[in-house]
């Protein structure tokens, strides 16, 4: 497998490979981390509305759909990434997606039509966007009291005001946590 493919690890599309463009900094969440995350999410994923804030390869949103999520919104500012996400949605024959070519912070600064059940928040590590994104998600109505928020970074996940860690893990150089708002 080359570096420009990601494999769906579970659900109806298990083992399907999805291509993504070779863009510097685009790094899909490793299989082992996704497997841990989706084990955590197993009781919550069926029928969930998901938001993949910095979609990149789309691995998180497509994995969620493969495992029974009802809808996934993918956000990314890169046109080649968006084109690949659209192509992958067509390949999987899913119409349970909304794929938006948009700056994620601008999208989060608006009110959604309805809140989400699960949010995947994996911004470029060097930009330190976890806290600003969490604030926007909370302030603008993206979250329900039961929403689970996955966060990922290359350093230990800190405590964020208004959120508590439900679960956390580390695999090689990837730190991740599942947060809930309180």
Protein backbone atom coordinates (compact mmCIF):
# COMPACT_ATOMS: atom_id res chain seq x y z
CA UNK A 1 0.00 0.00 0.00
CA UNK A 2 1.34 3.42 -0.86
CA UNK A 3 1.23 6.49 1.35
CA UNK A 4 -1.65 7.92 -0.71
CA UNK A 5 -4.22 5.34 0.35
CA UNK A 6 -6.08 4.76 3.58
CA UNK A 7 -7.89 1.54 4.42
CA UNK A 8 -11.30 1.41 6.07
CA UNK A 9 -10.86 -1.01 8.95
CA UNK A 10 -14.42 -2.01 9.87
CA UNK A 11 -18.06 -2.09 8.90
CA UNK A 12 -19.71 -2.47 5.51
CA UNK A 13 -16.72 -1.07 3.60
CA UNK A 14 -14.08 -2.98 5.57
CA UNK A 15 -10.76 -3.30 3.72
CA UNK A 16 -11.76 -0.77 1.03
CA UNK A 17 -8.86 1.47 0.08
CA UNK A 18 -9.47 5.17 -0.48
CA UNK A 19 -7.02 7.41 -2.33
CA UNK A 20 -6.08 10.86 -1.14
CA UNK A 21 -3.82 13.48 -2.73
CA UNK A 22 -0.11 13.73 -1.82
CA UNK A 23 -0.35 17.05 -0.01
CA UNK A 24 2.37 18.00 2.48
CA UNK A 25 1.08 17.72 6.04
CA UNK A 26 -1.91 15.54 5.15
CA UNK A 27 -1.51 12.58 7.54
CA UNK A 28 -4.32 10.09 7.99
CA UNK A 29 -4.87 8.84 11.51
CA UNK A 30 -3.06 5.48 11.76
CA UNK A 31 -5.13 2.28 11.60
CA UNK A 32 -4.28 1.33 15.19
CA UNK A 33 -5.51 4.69 16.51
CA UNK A 34 -8.69 4.52 14.42
CA UNK A 35 -9.36 1.00 15.64
CA UNK A 36 -9.08 2.15 19.27
CA UNK A 37 -11.30 5.17 18.60
CA UNK A 38 -14.02 3.18 16.88
CA UNK A 39 -13.98 0.60 19.66
CA UNK A 40 -14.68 3.51 22.02
CA UNK A 41 -17.42 4.80 19.72
CA UNK A 42 -19.07 1.41 19.01
CA UNK A 43 -22.03 1.97 21.36
CA UNK A 44 -22.62 5.47 19.94
CA UNK A 45 -21.93 5.27 16.20
CA UNK A 46 -25.12 3.72 14.82
CA UNK A 47 -27.34 6.50 13.45
CA UNK A 48 -24.93 9.25 14.53
CA UNK A 49 -24.49 12.56 12.72
CA UNK A 50 -20.74 13.14 12.41
CA UNK A 51 -18.62 16.20 11.67
CA UNK A 52 -15.07 15.68 10.34
CA UNK A 53 -13.64 19.16 10.88
CA UNK A 54 -10.26 18.84 9.10
CA UNK A 55 -11.21 15.91 6.88
CA UNK A 56 -7.98 15.36 4.94
CA UNK A 57 -8.10 11.74 3.75
CA UNK A 58 -11.66 11.39 5.04
CA UNK A 59 -10.67 8.27 7.00
CA UNK A 60 -12.65 9.24 10.10
CA UNK A 61 -15.89 10.22 8.39
CA UNK A 62 -15.90 7.29 5.97
CA UNK A 63 -15.03 4.88 8.78
CA UNK A 64 -17.97 6.25 10.79
CA UNK A 65 -20.33 5.81 7.83
CA UNK A 66 -19.01 2.30 7.22
CA UNK A 67 -19.87 1.44 10.82
CA UNK A 68 -23.43 2.77 10.73
CA UNK A 69 -23.35 6.55 11.16
CA UNK A 70 -26.31 8.12 9.40
CA UNK A 71 -24.55 11.20 8.02
CA UNK A 72 -21.07 12.76 7.85
CA UNK A 73 -20.08 16.32 7.06
CA UNK A 74 -16.51 16.66 5.76
CA UNK A 75 -14.72 20.04 5.95
CA UNK A 76 -11.45 20.90 4.24
CA UNK A 77 -10.02 24.01 2.61
CA UNK A 78 -8.01 22.16 -0.06
CA UNK A 79 -9.70 21.74 -3.45
CA UNK A 80 -7.68 18.57 -4.32
CA UNK A 81 -8.69 17.06 -0.96
CA UNK A 82 -12.35 17.92 -1.58
CA UNK A 83 -12.19 16.41 -5.08
CA UNK A 84 -10.75 13.17 -3.61
CA UNK A 85 -13.45 13.08 -0.91
CA UNK A 86 -16.17 13.48 -3.54
CA UNK A 87 -14.59 10.73 -5.65
CA UNK A 88 -14.37 8.41 -2.62
CA UNK A 89 -18.01 9.07 -1.68
CA UNK A 90 -18.97 8.16 -5.25
CA UNK A 91 -16.77 5.04 -5.15
CA UNK A 92 -18.52 3.93 -1.95
CA UNK A 93 -21.92 4.84 -3.44
CA UNK A 94 -22.93 6.83 -0.39
CA UNK A 95 -25.18 9.85 -0.42
CA UNK A 96 -24.97 10.29 3.36
CA UNK A 97 -22.26 12.91 3.05
CA UNK A 98 -21.95 16.65 2.83
CA UNK A 99 -18.51 17.67 1.55
CA UNK A 100 -17.61 21.34 2.00
CA UNK A 101 -14.61 23.18 0.59
CA UNK A 102 -14.30 25.71 3.38
CA UNK A 103 -11.95 27.04 6.01
CA UNK A 104 -12.93 24.98 9.07
CA UNK A 105 -12.73 27.93 11.48
CA UNK A 106 -15.09 29.97 9.29
CA UNK A 107 -17.52 27.06 9.13
CA UNK A 108 -17.41 26.64 12.92
CA UNK A 109 -18.03 30.39 13.37
CA UNK A 110 -21.56 29.89 11.98
CA UNK A 111 -24.55 28.14 13.50
CA UNK A 112 -25.24 24.62 12.19
CA UNK A 113 -28.71 23.53 11.06
CA UNK A 114 -28.57 20.91 13.83
CA UNK A 115 -25.96 19.70 16.32
CA UNK A 116 -23.75 16.64 15.84
CA UNK A 117 -23.43 13.41 17.81
CA UNK A 118 -19.74 12.85 17.07
CA UNK A 119 -17.05 15.35 16.05
CA UNK A 120 -13.61 14.42 14.71
CA UNK A 121 -11.13 17.20 15.43
CA UNK A 122 -7.66 16.52 14.05
CA UNK A 123 -6.23 19.83 12.82
CA UNK A 124 -2.67 20.31 11.56
CA UNK A 125 -0.57 19.82 14.69
CA UNK A 126 1.58 22.93 14.24
CA UNK A 127 -1.38 25.33 14.21
CA UNK A 128 -2.58 24.72 17.81
CA UNK A 129 -6.24 24.82 16.80
CA UNK A 130 -7.77 22.35 19.25
CA UNK A 131 -8.85 24.89 21.85
CA UNK A 132 -10.14 27.53 19.38
CA UNK A 133 -12.13 24.84 17.55
CA UNK A 134 -13.58 23.43 20.78
CA UNK A 135 -14.66 26.92 21.79
CA UNK A 136 -16.36 27.52 18.43
CA UNK A 137 -18.06 24.11 18.53
CA UNK A 138 -19.40 24.85 22.00
CA UNK A 139 -20.35 28.50 21.50
CA UNK A 140 -22.13 28.04 18.15
CA UNK A 141 -24.42 25.09 18.83
CA UNK A 142 -22.54 22.23 17.16
CA UNK A 143 -22.68 20.08 20.30
CA UNK A 144 -25.40 18.24 22.19
CA UNK A 145 -24.89 17.41 25.87
CA UNK A 146 -24.03 13.86 24.72
CA UNK A 147 -21.72 14.76 21.81
CA UNK A 148 -18.40 12.90 21.77
CA UNK A 149 -15.42 14.85 20.41
CA UNK A 150 -12.32 13.04 19.21
CA UNK A 151 -9.15 15.15 19.41
CA UNK A 152 -5.68 14.23 18.17
CA UNK A 153 -2.26 15.83 18.52
CA UNK A 154 1.45 15.01 18.52
CA UNK A 155 1.75 15.94 22.21
CA UNK A 156 -0.27 14.99 25.31
CA UNK A 157 -3.85 16.25 25.16
CA UNK A 158 -4.28 19.01 27.77
CA UNK A 159 -7.39 19.78 29.78
CA UNK A 160 -9.71 22.19 27.97
CA UNK A 161 -12.13 24.55 29.76
CA UNK A 162 -15.67 23.16 29.66
CA UNK A 163 -14.60 19.68 28.52
CA UNK A 164 -13.51 16.52 30.28
CA UNK A 165 -11.65 13.51 28.94
CA UNK A 166 -13.90 10.49 28.60
CA UNK A 167 -11.06 8.29 27.24
CA UNK A 168 -7.49 8.85 26.12
CA UNK A 169 -4.70 6.90 24.48
CA UNK A 170 -1.27 7.15 22.87
CA UNK A 171 0.07 5.15 19.93
CA UNK A 172 3.62 5.86 18.75
CA UNK A 173 3.71 9.66 18.33
CA UNK A 174 -0.08 10.17 18.26
CA UNK A 175 -1.95 11.32 21.37
CA UNK A 176 -5.71 11.20 21.28
CA UNK A 177 -8.70 11.65 23.56
CA UNK A 178 -12.44 11.43 23.47
CA UNK A 179 -13.91 14.52 25.10
CA UNK A 180 -17.35 15.38 26.41
CA UNK A 181 -18.64 18.81 27.27
CA UNK A 182 -19.70 19.55 30.84
